[in-house]
Amino acid sequence: MEINKEYITTFFKGLQDEICTALEEADTLAKFQEEVWERDGGGGGRSRIIAEGKIIEKGGVGFSAVHGETPEKILNALKLDKSDFFATGVSIVIHPRSPMVPIIHMNVRYFEMSNGTWWFGGGIDLTPHYVDETDAKYFHTTLKHVCDQHDDSYYAKFKAWADDYFFIKHRNETRGVGGIFFDRLNESSGKTKEELFNFVKDVGRSFAPIYTSLMKKNHELSYNDTDVNWQMLRRSRYVEFNLVLDAGTKFGLDTNGRTESILMSMPPMAKWVYNYQPQNEREIKTLSYLKKNINWI
């Protein structure tokens, strides 16, 4: 079977369906609301938002397939020759109600140009409000297993890439406990298009079992107002990264994407406190883990 943009797009649509169903079943209360949209320059997508659930306070699972003339800003940023583009993928951010449940993000995507250039990209990372070593180990161990099924060099390479990418430079801290990140994977990697797509598919399919397990494990843990205050502060760091540093946000806005869908990753509420200093051992411990090159396995 030819691995073309139509085949890839169909898979991503199905992945969005599978993940939304799994999250609804795990939350037990909230249901996704869908908005289908079209992009003026070509293509469109399906934005699905879940809110006010038992476990999920706000989340988004977006699918898009857009195409058209590549903006000069993108050509210059990616050092590409002038040509039309096509991009499709699934992007997810979940903000839980409880500060004991981590924030999670995943994106899997495919990009091609009319001149024959193509690549896959993606990543998944975990942002606990309080770092739990057991959860971090489970998360990274699962991702390593996914990577090892395709190439035993992937996990170490893509983990390091995630540490570098999900790094809030102006705070000198990682966004969370990292995960994996990869971009511009094409035939130059020594893999066929089919092999690379199989890897991307497995990364995408890993999301639902990973996160529903963490939801189940942590959502009934008790918490207090101090924990919620810390949660609001950690959410603010998430906002800072997405608005200042995230390449996906920049790509979406620069290609005249749908603003509401691009910014669905924002939490429902966050807090900025001037020169905040950690107030207890759990906050201090969490900050000590927000560093690159931690071996969680």
Protein backbone atom coordinates (compact mmCIF):
# COMPACT_ATOMS: atom_id res chain seq x y z
CA MET A 1 0.00 0.00 0.00
CA GLU A 2 1.30 3.43 -0.93
CA ILE A 3 1.99 5.66 2.07
CA ASN A 4 0.55 8.86 0.60
CA LYS A 5 -1.04 11.91 2.16
CA GLU A 6 -4.56 10.50 1.78
CA TYR A 7 -3.65 7.31 3.63
CA ILE A 8 -1.86 9.23 6.38
CA THR A 9 -4.77 11.66 6.74
CA THR A 10 -7.23 8.80 7.13
CA PHE A 11 -5.14 7.27 9.90
CA PHE A 12 -4.92 10.56 11.79
CA LYS A 13 -8.70 11.00 11.61
CA GLY A 14 -9.15 7.53 13.07
CA LEU A 15 -6.56 8.22 15.77
CA GLN A 16 -8.49 11.31 16.84
CA ASP A 17 -11.64 9.18 17.12
CA GLU A 18 -9.90 6.47 19.17
CA ILE A 19 -8.32 8.91 21.61
CA CYS A 20 -11.53 10.88 22.17
CA THR A 21 -13.46 7.69 22.91
CA ALA A 22 -10.81 6.50 25.39
CA LEU A 23 -10.71 9.85 27.22
CA GLU A 24 -14.50 10.04 27.50
CA GLU A 25 -14.62 6.53 28.95
CA ALA A 26 -11.86 7.34 31.45
CA ASP A 27 -13.42 10.63 32.54
CA THR A 28 -16.93 9.06 32.83
CA LEU A 29 -18.69 12.44 32.82
CA ALA A 30 -17.68 14.88 30.08
CA LYS A 31 -18.13 14.45 26.33
CA PHE A 32 -16.23 16.06 23.49
CA GLN A 33 -17.84 18.84 21.51
CA GLU A 34 -16.74 19.03 17.89
CA GLU A 35 -16.32 22.00 15.61
CA VAL A 36 -15.50 21.41 11.97
CA TRP A 37 -13.62 24.31 10.38
CA GLU A 38 -12.17 25.33 7.04
CA ARG A 39 -8.99 27.23 6.38
CA ASP A 40 -9.20 30.12 3.93
CA GLY A 41 -6.00 29.11 2.16
CA GLY A 42 -7.02 25.44 1.82
CA GLY A 43 -8.03 22.50 3.96
CA GLY A 44 -9.45 22.46 7.45
CA GLY A 45 -9.93 20.29 10.48
CA ARG A 46 -11.96 19.02 13.41
CA SER A 47 -11.43 20.61 16.80
CA ARG A 48 -12.79 18.57 19.69
CA ILE A 49 -12.93 20.12 23.14
CA ILE A 50 -13.79 18.43 26.42
CA ALA A 51 -14.49 20.47 29.55
CA GLU A 52 -15.85 20.35 33.10
CA GLY A 53 -15.39 16.62 33.41
CA LYS A 54 -14.91 14.50 36.49
CA ILE A 55 -11.15 14.30 35.85
CA ILE A 56 -10.50 16.56 32.85
CA GLU A 57 -11.09 20.26 33.45
CA LYS A 58 -10.27 21.21 29.87
CA GLY A 59 -8.76 19.33 26.98
CA GLY A 60 -8.49 19.40 23.24
CA VAL A 61 -7.91 16.72 20.61
CA GLY A 62 -7.48 18.40 17.26
CA PHE A 63 -7.15 16.99 13.76
CA SER A 64 -6.16 19.11 10.78
CA ALA A 65 -5.24 18.66 7.13
CA VAL A 66 -4.29 21.97 5.52
CA HIS A 67 -2.65 22.89 2.26
CA GLY A 68 -1.81 25.79 0.01
CA GLU A 69 0.93 28.24 -0.80
CA THR A 70 3.73 28.10 1.77
CA PRO A 71 4.16 31.50 3.47
CA GLU A 72 7.54 33.17 3.09
CA LYS A 73 7.96 33.16 6.87
CA ILE A 74 7.74 29.35 6.91
CA LEU A 75 10.03 28.96 3.91
CA ASN A 76 12.66 31.10 5.58
CA ALA A 77 12.30 29.51 9.01
CA LEU A 78 12.55 25.95 7.65
CA LYS A 79 15.04 26.81 4.89
CA LEU A 80 12.80 25.45 2.16
CA ASP A 81 12.49 26.19 -1.53
CA LYS A 82 9.31 27.89 -2.67
CA SER A 83 6.59 25.27 -3.19
CA ASP A 84 3.05 24.51 -2.05
CA PHE A 85 2.61 22.57 1.20
CA PHE A 86 0.34 19.96 2.77
CA ALA A 87 0.30 19.27 6.51
CA THR A 88 -1.83 16.92 8.57
CA GLY A 89 -1.73 15.67 12.12
CA VAL A 90 -3.30 15.22 15.53
CA SER A 91 -2.51 17.49 18.46
CA ILE A 92 -3.60 16.96 22.07
CA VAL A 93 -3.33 18.84 25.35
CA ILE A 94 -5.19 17.78 28.49
CA HIS A 95 -5.46 19.93 31.63
CA PRO A 96 -6.81 17.87 34.55
CA ARG A 97 -8.99 19.15 37.36
CA SER A 98 -6.79 17.70 40.11
CA PRO A 99 -3.24 18.96 40.70
CA MET A 100 -2.35 15.33 41.39
CA VAL A 101 -2.98 14.39 37.74
CA PRO A 102 -0.35 15.60 35.24
CA ILE A 103 -0.87 17.73 32.16
CA ILE A 104 -0.06 15.86 28.97
CA HIS A 105 0.65 16.84 25.38
CA MET A 106 1.05 14.85 22.21
CA ASN A 107 1.43 15.77 18.57
CA VAL A 108 1.97 13.53 15.54
CA ARG A 109 2.19 15.09 12.12
CA TYR A 110 3.13 14.75 8.47
CA PHE A 111 4.33 17.51 6.13
CA GLU A 112 4.99 17.44 2.42
CA MET A 113 5.58 19.89 -0.39
CA SER A 114 4.69 19.78 -4.07
CA ASN A 115 8.40 19.57 -4.93
CA GLY A 116 8.65 16.13 -3.29
CA THR A 117 9.98 17.17 0.13
CA TRP A 118 8.31 15.29 3.00
CA TRP A 119 8.82 14.40 6.65
CA PHE A 120 7.17 13.16 9.84
CA GLY A 121 7.35 14.83 13.23
CA GLY A 122 5.84 14.56 16.65
CA GLY A 123 6.33 14.19 20.34
CA ILE A 124 4.71 13.42 23.65
CA ASP A 125 5.62 14.97 26.99
CA LEU A 126 4.31 14.92 30.54
CA THR A 127 3.99 17.95 32.80
CA PRO A 128 3.18 16.97 36.38
CA HIS A 129 2.24 19.73 38.80
CA TYR A 130 4.14 17.70 41.39
CA VAL A 131 6.73 15.32 39.97
CA ASP A 132 6.05 11.72 40.96
CA GLU A 133 9.07 9.52 40.26
CA THR A 134 6.93 6.39 39.77
CA ASP A 135 4.75 8.09 37.17
CA ALA A 136 7.78 9.54 35.38
CA LYS A 137 9.42 6.11 35.25
CA TYR A 138 6.24 4.50 33.91
CA PHE A 139 5.88 7.21 31.27
CA HIS A 140 9.46 6.97 30.03
CA THR A 141 9.62 3.18 30.21
CA THR A 142 6.51 2.96 28.03
CA LEU A 143 7.93 5.39 25.50
CA LYS A 144 11.24 3.52 25.39
CA HIS A 145 9.35 0.31 24.64
CA VAL A 146 7.54 2.02 21.76
CA CYS A 147 10.81 3.41 20.40
CA ASP A 148 12.74 0.15 20.80
CA GLN A 149 10.23 -1.70 18.61
CA HIS A 150 11.41 0.45 15.70
CA ASP A 151 15.01 1.43 16.43
CA ASP A 152 16.99 0.99 19.64
CA SER A 153 18.64 4.36 19.11
CA TYR A 154 15.36 6.27 19.02
CA TYR A 155 14.59 6.63 22.72
CA ALA A 156 17.91 8.15 23.83
CA LYS A 157 18.03 10.43 20.80
CA PHE A 158 14.41 11.59 20.97
CA LYS A 159 14.44 11.95 24.76
CA ALA A 160 17.42 14.30 24.53
CA TRP A 161 15.63 16.19 21.77
CA ALA A 162 12.56 16.54 24.00
CA ASP A 163 14.69 17.81 26.91
CA ASP A 164 16.06 20.50 24.61
CA TYR A 165 12.77 21.33 22.92
CA PHE A 166 10.46 21.40 25.95
CA PHE A 167 12.75 23.79 27.80
CA ILE A 168 11.55 27.16 29.05
CA LYS A 169 14.68 29.16 28.37
CA HIS A 170 13.63 32.30 30.20
CA ARG A 171 12.89 30.24 33.34
CA ASN A 172 15.85 27.87 32.97
CA GLU A 173 13.60 24.87 33.58
CA THR A 174 12.07 22.05 31.57
CA ARG A 175 8.32 22.12 31.03
CA GLY A 176 7.94 18.87 32.95
CA VAL A 177 9.58 15.45 32.95
CA GLY A 178 10.00 15.47 29.19
CA GLY A 179 9.26 12.55 26.91
CA ILE A 180 10.25 12.21 23.28
CA PHE A 181 10.37 14.69 20.42
CA PHE A 182 11.33 14.22 16.77
CA ASP A 183 11.05 16.24 13.59
CA ARG A 184 11.86 16.13 9.88
CA LEU A 185 12.16 12.34 9.82
CA ASN A 186 12.47 11.29 6.18
CA GLU A 187 14.42 8.93 3.95
CA SER A 188 17.68 10.53 5.04
CA SER A 189 17.23 8.73 8.38
CA GLY A 190 17.87 5.42 6.65
CA LYS A 191 14.25 4.31 7.11
CA THR A 192 11.56 3.95 4.49
CA LYS A 193 8.45 6.10 4.56
CA GLU A 194 6.43 3.08 5.66
CA GLU A 195 8.82 2.34 8.53
CA LEU A 196 8.72 5.92 9.75
CA PHE A 197 4.93 6.06 9.52
CA ASN A 198 4.65 2.82 11.52
CA PHE A 199 6.71 4.46 14.26
CA VAL A 200 4.54 7.58 14.22
CA LYS A 201 1.41 5.41 14.39
CA ASP A 202 2.71 3.58 17.46
CA VAL A 203 3.58 6.85 19.19
CA GLY A 204 0.06 8.08 18.52
CA ARG A 205 -1.54 4.89 19.76
CA SER A 206 0.51 4.99 22.97
CA PHE A 207 -1.23 8.14 24.17
CA ALA A 208 -4.57 6.76 25.32
CA PRO A 209 -3.30 3.83 27.44
CA ILE A 210 -0.59 6.00 29.01
CA TYR A 211 -2.82 8.88 30.02
CA THR A 212 -5.92 6.95 31.02
CA SER A 213 -3.69 4.90 33.34
CA LEU A 214 -2.36 8.08 34.98
CA MET A 215 -5.89 9.47 35.26
CA LYS A 216 -7.10 6.34 37.02
CA LYS A 217 -4.10 6.18 39.36
CA ASN A 218 -4.12 9.79 40.54
CA HIS A 219 -7.50 11.48 40.23
CA GLU A 220 -8.83 10.36 43.62
CA LEU A 221 -5.77 11.51 45.60
CA SER A 222 -6.63 14.25 48.08
CA TYR A 223 -5.43 17.84 47.64
CA ASN A 224 -5.93 21.25 49.22
CA ASP A 225 -5.91 24.96 48.37
CA THR A 226 -2.11 25.10 48.53
CA ASP A 227 -1.94 22.37 45.89
CA VAL A 228 -4.41 24.23 43.65
CA ASN A 229 -2.39 27.44 43.97
CA TRP A 230 0.72 25.54 42.86
CA GLN A 231 -1.24 24.01 40.00
CA MET A 232 -2.20 27.49 38.77
CA LEU A 233 1.44 28.58 38.88
CA ARG A 234 2.63 25.51 36.97
CA ARG A 235 -0.07 26.10 34.38
CA SER A 236 1.31 29.59 33.84
CA ARG A 237 4.66 28.09 32.86
CA TYR A 238 2.80 25.93 30.33
CA VAL A 239 1.20 29.03 28.84
CA GLU A 240 4.56 30.79 28.62
CA PHE A 241 6.11 27.93 26.69
CA ASN A 242 3.22 27.57 24.25
CA LEU A 243 2.98 31.27 23.48
CA VAL A 244 6.67 32.17 23.45
CA LEU A 245 8.52 29.05 22.28
CA ASP A 246 6.28 26.39 20.75
CA ALA A 247 7.01 25.83 17.06
CA GLY A 248 3.58 24.32 16.40
CA THR A 249 1.83 27.42 17.67
CA LYS A 250 4.02 29.60 15.48
CA PHE A 251 3.47 27.39 12.42
CA GLY A 252 -0.29 27.44 12.87
CA LEU A 253 -0.49 31.19 13.23
CA ASP A 254 1.99 31.84 10.42
CA THR A 255 0.01 29.64 8.00
CA ASN A 256 -3.25 31.46 8.81
CA GLY A 257 -4.59 28.54 10.81
CA ARG A 258 -7.67 28.74 12.98
CA THR A 259 -6.70 30.69 16.11
CA GLU A 260 -9.22 29.01 18.44
CA SER A 261 -7.97 25.58 17.43
CA ILE A 262 -4.31 26.56 17.71
CA LEU A 263 -4.80 27.98 21.20
CA MET A 264 -6.98 25.17 22.50
CA SER A 265 -3.88 24.08 24.46
CA MET A 266 -4.35 26.94 26.90
CA PRO A 267 -5.54 25.99 30.41
CA PRO A 268 -8.91 27.31 31.61
CA MET A 269 -7.18 29.26 34.37
CA ALA A 270 -3.61 30.07 35.41
CA LYS A 271 -1.84 32.41 37.80
CA TRP A 272 1.26 34.60 37.74
CA VAL A 273 2.71 35.67 41.09
CA TYR A 274 5.58 38.12 41.11
CA ASN A 275 8.87 36.50 42.19
CA TYR A 276 7.13 33.45 43.66
CA GLN A 277 9.32 31.29 45.91
CA PRO A 278 8.48 27.63 46.65
CA GLN A 279 6.57 27.26 49.89
CA ASN A 280 7.11 23.63 50.88
CA GLU A 281 9.21 20.55 50.28
CA ARG A 282 7.00 19.18 47.49
CA GLU A 283 7.30 22.39 45.51
CA ILE A 284 11.07 22.51 46.06
CA LYS A 285 11.41 18.85 45.06
CA THR A 286 9.41 19.35 41.87
CA LEU A 287 11.55 22.30 40.81
CA SER A 288 14.67 20.23 41.41
CA TYR A 289 13.43 17.75 38.78
CA LEU A 290 12.81 20.33 36.06
CA LYS A 291 16.21 19.78 34.48
CA LYS A 292 17.56 18.20 31.33
CA ASN A 293 19.26 14.81 31.16
CA ILE A 294 17.50 13.08 34.06
CA ASN A 295 17.49 9.31 33.60
CA TRP A 296 13.94 8.36 34.60
CA ILE A 297 14.40 4.69 33.77
